[in-house]
Amino acid sequence: MARTVVDLDESVLAFAQQQLGTKTKRDTINRALAIAAGTSADDRARGLAWLKDNADQILDFEVLEEQERSGR
């Protein structure tokens, strides 16, 4: 295992620890990396397909179009 020094956003780390149920920085980072590495292209494709099928129930396209027109 390699030792690496990095700057971390402590509030994001604390939130990740809460979400992952980990107790140490090391465990949190290693768990997050394992999750990220385990997310395959197929997983992302399934997620995007789901979003495409369900976007109209989640997103308000009229609001998005208005924001697009107004330059926001």
PDB file of N, CA and C in Angstrom:
ATOM      1  N   MET A   1       0.850  -1.173   0.000  1.00  0.00           N
ATOM      2  CA  MET A   1       0.000   0.000   0.000  1.00  0.00           C
ATOM      3  C   MET A   1       0.896   1.238   0.000  1.00  0.00           C
ATOM      4  N   ALA A   2       0.529   2.225  -0.797  1.00  0.00           N
ATOM      5  CA  ALA A   2       1.308   3.456  -0.912  1.00  0.00           C
ATOM      6  C   ALA A   2       0.825   4.487   0.095  1.00  0.00           C
ATOM      7  N   ARG A   3       1.732   5.315   0.539  1.00  0.00           N
ATOM      8  CA  ARG A   3       1.394   6.432   1.419  1.00  0.00           C
ATOM      9  C   ARG A   3       1.418   7.693   0.573  1.00  0.00           C
ATOM     10  N   THR A   4       0.311   8.443   0.605  1.00  0.00           N
ATOM     11  CA  THR A   4       0.171   9.644  -0.208  1.00  0.00           C
ATOM     12  C   THR A   4      -0.382  10.762   0.653  1.00  0.00           C
ATOM     13  N   VAL A   5       0.159  11.946   0.492  1.00  0.00           N
ATOM     14  CA  VAL A   5      -0.328  13.111   1.225  1.00  0.00           C
ATOM     15  C   VAL A   5      -1.233  13.911   0.297  1.00  0.00           C
ATOM     16  N   VAL A   6      -2.469  14.152   0.744  1.00  0.00           N
ATOM     17  CA  VAL A   6      -3.432  14.922  -0.045  1.00  0.00           C
ATOM     18  C   VAL A   6      -4.182  15.888   0.859  1.00  0.00           C
ATOM     19  N   ASP A   7      -4.670  16.961   0.263  1.00  0.00           N
ATOM     20  CA  ASP A   7      -5.543  17.892   0.976  1.00  0.00           C
ATOM     21  C   ASP A   7      -6.971  17.409   0.793  1.00  0.00           C
ATOM     22  N   LEU A   8      -7.707  17.301   1.896  1.00  0.00           N
ATOM     23  CA  LEU A   8      -9.085  16.814   1.849  1.00  0.00           C
ATOM     24  C   LEU A   8     -10.041  17.878   2.359  1.00  0.00           C
ATOM     25  N   ASP A   9     -11.212  17.910   1.778  1.00  0.00           N
ATOM     26  CA  ASP A   9     -12.290  18.746   2.281  1.00  0.00           C
ATOM     27  C   ASP A   9     -12.889  17.992   3.467  1.00  0.00           C
ATOM     28  N   GLU A  10     -12.657  18.475   4.667  1.00  0.00           N
ATOM     29  CA  GLU A  10     -13.066  17.761   5.882  1.00  0.00           C
ATOM     30  C   GLU A  10     -14.578  17.575   5.975  1.00  0.00           C
ATOM     31  N   SER A  11     -15.342  18.553   5.491  1.00  0.00           N
ATOM     32  CA  SER A  11     -16.803  18.402   5.575  1.00  0.00           C
ATOM     33  C   SER A  11     -17.295  17.318   4.611  1.00  0.00           C
ATOM     34  N   VAL A  12     -16.693  17.233   3.440  1.00  0.00           N
ATOM     35  CA  VAL A  12     -17.068  16.188   2.485  1.00  0.00           C
ATOM     36  C   VAL A  12     -16.640  14.832   3.023  1.00  0.00           C
ATOM     37  N   LEU A  13     -15.464  14.776   3.620  1.00  0.00           N
ATOM     38  CA  LEU A  13     -14.989  13.531   4.206  1.00  0.00           C
ATOM     39  C   LEU A  13     -15.936  13.064   5.316  1.00  0.00           C
ATOM     40  N   ALA A  14     -16.354  13.985   6.172  1.00  0.00           N
ATOM     41  CA  ALA A  14     -17.274  13.630   7.258  1.00  0.00           C
ATOM     42  C   ALA A  14     -18.598  13.107   6.704  1.00  0.00           C
ATOM     43  N   PHE A  15     -19.089  13.734   5.648  1.00  0.00           N
ATOM     44  CA  PHE A  15     -20.331  13.275   5.023  1.00  0.00           C
ATOM     45  C   PHE A  15     -20.143  11.887   4.415  1.00  0.00           C
ATOM     46  N   ALA A  16     -19.012  11.681   3.742  1.00  0.00           N
ATOM     47  CA  ALA A  16     -18.726  10.367   3.160  1.00  0.00           C
ATOM     48  C   ALA A  16     -18.642   9.304   4.245  1.00  0.00           C
ATOM     49  N   GLN A  17     -18.011   9.630   5.373  1.00  0.00           N
ATOM     50  CA  GLN A  17     -17.928   8.673   6.488  1.00  0.00           C
ATOM     51  C   GLN A  17     -19.323   8.303   6.977  1.00  0.00           C
ATOM     52  N   GLN A  18     -20.174   9.293   7.068  1.00  0.00           N
ATOM     53  CA  GLN A  18     -21.552   9.046   7.512  1.00  0.00           C
ATOM     54  C   GLN A  18     -22.271   8.149   6.505  1.00  0.00           C
ATOM     55  N   GLN A  19     -22.157   8.460   5.225  1.00  0.00           N
ATOM     56  CA  GLN A  19     -22.850   7.700   4.189  1.00  0.00           C
ATOM     57  C   GLN A  19     -22.320   6.277   4.057  1.00  0.00           C
ATOM     58  N   LEU A  20     -21.001   6.107   4.223  1.00  0.00           N
ATOM     59  CA  LEU A  20     -20.386   4.799   4.048  1.00  0.00           C
ATOM     60  C   LEU A  20     -20.329   3.983   5.333  1.00  0.00           C
ATOM     61  N   GLY A  21     -20.553   4.641   6.468  1.00  0.00           N
ATOM     62  CA  GLY A  21     -20.488   3.942   7.750  1.00  0.00           C
ATOM     63  C   GLY A  21     -19.068   3.585   8.164  1.00  0.00           C
ATOM     64  N   THR A  22     -18.112   4.383   7.710  1.00  0.00           N
ATOM     65  CA  THR A  22     -16.712   4.135   8.061  1.00  0.00           C
ATOM     66  C   THR A  22     -16.298   5.050   9.210  1.00  0.00           C
ATOM     67  N   LYS A  23     -15.220   4.662   9.882  1.00  0.00           N
ATOM     68  CA  LYS A  23     -14.799   5.427  11.058  1.00  0.00           C
ATOM     69  C   LYS A  23     -13.508   6.220  10.843  1.00  0.00           C
ATOM     70  N   THR A  24     -12.642   5.757   9.966  1.00  0.00           N
ATOM     71  CA  THR A  24     -11.359   6.437   9.768  1.00  0.00           C
ATOM     72  C   THR A  24     -11.276   7.031   8.363  1.00  0.00           C
ATOM     73  N   LYS A  25     -10.382   8.013   8.211  1.00  0.00           N
ATOM     74  CA  LYS A  25     -10.156   8.606   6.899  1.00  0.00           C
ATOM     75  C   LYS A  25      -9.698   7.529   5.924  1.00  0.00           C
ATOM     76  N   ARG A  26      -8.784   6.713   6.366  1.00  0.00           N
ATOM     77  CA  ARG A  26      -8.239   5.664   5.503  1.00  0.00           C
ATOM     78  C   ARG A  26      -9.346   4.724   5.011  1.00  0.00           C
ATOM     79  N   ASP A  27     -10.178   4.245   5.940  1.00  0.00           N
ATOM     80  CA  ASP A  27     -11.263   3.344   5.551  1.00  0.00           C
ATOM     81  C   ASP A  27     -12.243   4.034   4.596  1.00  0.00           C
ATOM     82  N   THR A  28     -12.534   5.294   4.867  1.00  0.00           N
ATOM     83  CA  THR A  28     -13.476   6.043   4.033  1.00  0.00           C
ATOM     84  C   THR A  28     -12.943   6.197   2.616  1.00  0.00           C
ATOM     85  N   ILE A  29     -11.706   6.612   2.501  1.00  0.00           N
ATOM     86  CA  ILE A  29     -11.111   6.822   1.183  1.00  0.00           C
ATOM     87  C   ILE A  29     -10.991   5.500   0.431  1.00  0.00           C
ATOM     88  N   ASN A  30     -10.528   4.454   1.108  1.00  0.00           N
ATOM     89  CA  ASN A  30     -10.397   3.154   0.446  1.00  0.00           C
ATOM     90  C   ASN A  30     -11.752   2.609   0.007  1.00  0.00           C
ATOM     91  N   ARG A  31     -12.773   2.787   0.824  1.00  0.00           N
ATOM     92  CA  ARG A  31     -14.113   2.314   0.459  1.00  0.00           C
ATOM     93  C   ARG A  31     -14.647   3.099  -0.734  1.00  0.00           C
ATOM     94  N   ALA A  32     -14.474   4.421  -0.715  1.00  0.00           N
ATOM     95  CA  ALA A  32     -14.937   5.256  -1.830  1.00  0.00           C
ATOM     96  C   ALA A  32     -14.212   4.880  -3.125  1.00  0.00           C
ATOM     97  N   LEU A  33     -12.915   4.621  -3.033  1.00  0.00           N
ATOM     98  CA  LEU A  33     -12.157   4.208  -4.220  1.00  0.00           C
ATOM     99  C   LEU A  33     -12.643   2.863  -4.737  1.00  0.00           C
ATOM    100  N   ALA A  34     -12.937   1.948  -3.832  1.00  0.00           N
ATOM    101  CA  ALA A  34     -13.432   0.633  -4.239  1.00  0.00           C
ATOM    102  C   ALA A  34     -14.777   0.756  -4.943  1.00  0.00           C
ATOM    103  N   ILE A  35     -15.639   1.622  -4.438  1.00  0.00           N
ATOM    104  CA  ILE A  35     -16.940   1.841  -5.073  1.00  0.00           C
ATOM    105  C   ILE A  35     -16.748   2.450  -6.448  1.00  0.00           C
ATOM    106  N   ALA A  36     -15.886   3.460  -6.544  1.00  0.00           N
ATOM    107  CA  ALA A  36     -15.648   4.113  -7.831  1.00  0.00           C
ATOM    108  C   ALA A  36     -15.053   3.143  -8.844  1.00  0.00           C
ATOM    109  N   ALA A  37     -14.128   2.322  -8.396  1.00  0.00           N
ATOM    110  CA  ALA A  37     -13.485   1.361  -9.299  1.00  0.00           C
ATOM    111  C   ALA A  37     -14.463   0.268  -9.727  1.00  0.00           C
ATOM    112  N   GLY A  38     -15.432  -0.028  -8.890  1.00  0.00           N
ATOM    113  CA  GLY A  38     -16.393  -1.085  -9.194  1.00  0.00           C
ATOM    114  C   GLY A  38     -17.557  -0.631 -10.048  1.00  0.00           C
ATOM    115  N   THR A  39     -17.649   0.659 -10.306  1.00  0.00           N
ATOM    116  CA  THR A  39     -18.728   1.178 -11.134  1.00  0.00           C
ATOM    117  C   THR A  39     -18.297   1.046 -12.587  1.00  0.00           C
ATOM    118  N   SER A  40     -18.911   0.129 -13.263  1.00  0.00           N
ATOM    119  CA  SER A  40     -18.501  -0.180 -14.632  1.00  0.00           C
ATOM    120  C   SER A  40     -19.235   0.698 -15.643  1.00  0.00           C
ATOM    121  N   ALA A  41     -18.768   0.620 -16.861  1.00  0.00           N
ATOM    122  CA  ALA A  41     -19.439   1.327 -17.952  1.00  0.00           C
ATOM    123  C   ALA A  41     -20.867   0.828 -18.106  1.00  0.00           C
ATOM    124  N   ASP A  42     -21.086  -0.469 -17.869  1.00  0.00           N
ATOM    125  CA  ASP A  42     -22.445  -1.014 -17.953  1.00  0.00           C
ATOM    126  C   ASP A  42     -23.343  -0.405 -16.885  1.00  0.00           C
ATOM    127  N   ASP A  43     -22.801  -0.224 -15.663  1.00  0.00           N
ATOM    128  CA  ASP A  43     -23.572   0.412 -14.592  1.00  0.00           C
ATOM    129  C   ASP A  43     -23.969   1.830 -14.988  1.00  0.00           C
ATOM    130  N   ARG A  44     -23.000   2.576 -15.532  1.00  0.00           N
ATOM    131  CA  ARG A  44     -23.288   3.949 -15.952  1.00  0.00           C
ATOM    132  C   ARG A  44     -24.316   3.958 -17.087  1.00  0.00           C
ATOM    133  N   ALA A  45     -24.196   3.035 -18.017  1.00  0.00           N
ATOM    134  CA  ALA A  45     -25.144   2.968 -19.131  1.00  0.00           C
ATOM    135  C   ALA A  45     -26.555   2.660 -18.625  1.00  0.00           C
ATOM    136  N   ARG A  46     -26.668   1.742 -17.666  1.00  0.00           N
ATOM    137  CA  ARG A  46     -27.989   1.433 -17.090  1.00  0.00           C
ATOM    138  C   ARG A  46     -28.559   2.654 -16.380  1.00  0.00           C
ATOM    139  N   GLY A  47     -27.716   3.380 -15.644  1.00  0.00           N
ATOM    140  CA  GLY A  47     -28.164   4.585 -14.960  1.00  0.00           C
ATOM    141  C   GLY A  47     -28.638   5.652 -15.930  1.00  0.00           C
ATOM    142  N   LEU A  48     -27.892   5.843 -17.010  1.00  0.00           N
ATOM    143  CA  LEU A  48     -28.292   6.826 -18.014  1.00  0.00           C
ATOM    144  C   LEU A  48     -29.575   6.409 -18.719  1.00  0.00           C
ATOM    145  N   ALA A  49     -29.727   5.131 -18.985  1.00  0.00           N
ATOM    146  CA  ALA A  49     -30.966   4.642 -19.614  1.00  0.00           C
ATOM    147  C   ALA A  49     -32.154   4.875 -18.695  1.00  0.00           C
ATOM    148  N   TRP A  50     -31.973   4.628 -17.407  1.00  0.00           N
ATOM    149  CA  TRP A  50     -33.043   4.868 -16.437  1.00  0.00           C
ATOM    150  C   TRP A  50     -33.393   6.345 -16.406  1.00  0.00           C
ATOM    151  N   LEU A  51     -32.365   7.199 -16.369  1.00  0.00           N
ATOM    152  CA  LEU A  51     -32.612   8.640 -16.336  1.00  0.00           C
ATOM    153  C   LEU A  51     -33.357   9.085 -17.592  1.00  0.00           C
ATOM    154  N   LYS A  52     -32.968   8.560 -18.733  1.00  0.00           N
ATOM    155  CA  LYS A  52     -33.647   8.907 -19.992  1.00  0.00           C
ATOM    156  C   LYS A  52     -35.117   8.510 -19.925  1.00  0.00           C
ATOM    157  N   ASP A  53     -35.388   7.323 -19.410  1.00  0.00           N
ATOM    158  CA  ASP A  53     -36.763   6.830 -19.323  1.00  0.00           C
ATOM    159  C   ASP A  53     -37.599   7.585 -18.297  1.00  0.00           C
ATOM    160  N   ASN A  54     -36.954   8.137 -17.261  1.00  0.00           N
ATOM    161  CA  ASN A  54     -37.679   8.747 -16.153  1.00  0.00           C
ATOM    162  C   ASN A  54     -37.467  10.244 -16.023  1.00  0.00           C
ATOM    163  N   ALA A  55     -36.717  10.851 -16.932  1.00  0.00           N
ATOM    164  CA  ALA A  55     -36.353  12.263 -16.803  1.00  0.00           C
ATOM    165  C   ALA A  55     -37.570  13.173 -16.721  1.00  0.00           C
ATOM    166  N   ASP A  56     -38.609  12.863 -17.480  1.00  0.00           N
ATOM    167  CA  ASP A  56     -39.779  13.739 -17.478  1.00  0.00           C
ATOM    168  C   ASP A  56     -40.495  13.755 -16.139  1.00  0.00           C
ATOM    169  N   GLN A  57     -40.286  12.744 -15.310  1.00  0.00           N
ATOM    170  CA  GLN A  57     -40.879  12.703 -13.976  1.00  0.00           C
ATOM    171  C   GLN A  57     -40.001  13.406 -12.942  1.00  0.00           C
ATOM    172  N   ILE A  58     -38.740  13.638 -13.287  1.00  0.00           N
ATOM    173  CA  ILE A  58     -37.776  14.201 -12.345  1.00  0.00           C
ATOM    174  C   ILE A  58     -37.461  15.660 -12.660  1.00  0.00           C
ATOM    175  N   LEU A  59     -37.302  15.956 -13.940  1.00  0.00           N
ATOM    176  CA  LEU A  59     -36.882  17.282 -14.372  1.00  0.00           C
ATOM    177  C   LEU A  59     -38.055  18.078 -14.907  1.00  0.00           C
ATOM    178  N   ASP A  60     -38.039  19.365 -14.623  1.00  0.00           N
ATOM    179  CA  ASP A  60     -39.044  20.274 -15.172  1.00  0.00           C
ATOM    180  C   ASP A  60     -38.420  20.925 -16.403  1.00  0.00           C
ATOM    181  N   PHE A  61     -38.726  20.365 -17.576  1.00  0.00           N
ATOM    182  CA  PHE A  61     -38.088  20.818 -18.799  1.00  0.00           C
ATOM    183  C   PHE A  61     -38.463  22.248 -19.167  1.00  0.00           C
ATOM    184  N   GLU A  62     -39.645  22.706 -18.778  1.00  0.00           N
ATOM    185  CA  GLU A  62     -40.019  24.091 -19.053  1.00  0.00           C
ATOM    186  C   GLU A  62     -39.111  25.050 -18.302  1.00  0.00           C
ATOM    187  N   VAL A  63     -38.814  24.746 -17.049  1.00  0.00           N
ATOM    188  CA  VAL A  63     -37.906  25.580 -16.254  1.00  0.00           C
ATOM    189  C   VAL A  63     -36.510  25.551 -16.859  1.00  0.00           C
ATOM    190  N   LEU A  64     -36.040  24.370 -17.263  1.00  0.00           N
ATOM    191  CA  LEU A  64     -34.723  24.262 -17.865  1.00  0.00           C
ATOM    192  C   LEU A  64     -34.625  25.039 -19.172  1.00  0.00           C
ATOM    193  N   GLU A  65     -35.676  24.978 -19.989  1.00  0.00           N
ATOM    194  CA  GLU A  65     -35.682  25.724 -21.229  1.00  0.00           C
ATOM    195  C   GLU A  65     -35.653  27.224 -20.976  1.00  0.00           C
ATOM    196  N   GLU A  66     -36.421  27.684 -19.992  1.00  0.00           N
ATOM    197  CA  GLU A  66     -36.441  29.109 -19.646  1.00  0.00           C
ATOM    198  C   GLU A  66     -35.064  29.554 -19.158  1.00  0.00           C
ATOM    199  N   GLN A  67     -34.419  28.743 -18.342  1.00  0.00           N
ATOM    200  CA  GLN A  67     -33.072  29.081 -17.875  1.00  0.00           C
ATOM    201  C   GLN A  67     -32.083  29.143 -19.045  1.00  0.00           C
ATOM    202  N   GLU A  68     -32.242  28.225 -19.969  1.00  0.00           N
ATOM    203  CA  GLU A  68     -31.383  28.194 -21.158  1.00  0.00           C
ATOM    204  C   GLU A  68     -31.565  29.488 -21.969  1.00  0.00           C
ATOM    205  N   ARG A  69     -32.820  29.884 -22.155  1.00  0.00           N
ATOM    206  CA  ARG A  69     -33.101  31.098 -22.923  1.00  0.00           C
ATOM    207  C   ARG A  69     -32.582  32.351 -22.216  1.00  0.00           C
ATOM    208  N   SER A  70     -32.669  32.370 -20.895  1.00  0.00           N
ATOM    209  CA  SER A  70     -32.253  33.561 -20.153  1.00  0.00           C
ATOM    210  C   SER A  70     -30.746  33.604 -19.891  1.00  0.00           C
ATOM    211  N   GLY A  71     -30.049  32.526 -20.280  1.00  0.00           N
ATOM    212  CA  GLY A  71     -28.595  32.516 -20.128  1.00  0.00           C
ATOM    213  C   GLY A  71     -28.101  32.146 -18.744  1.00  0.00           C
ATOM    214  N   ARG A  72     -28.962  31.581 -17.930  1.00  0.00           N
ATOM    215  CA  ARG A  72     -28.559  31.179 -16.573  1.00  0.00           C
ATOM    216  C   ARG A  72     -27.801  29.897 -16.572  1.00  0.00           C
TER     217      ARG A  72
END
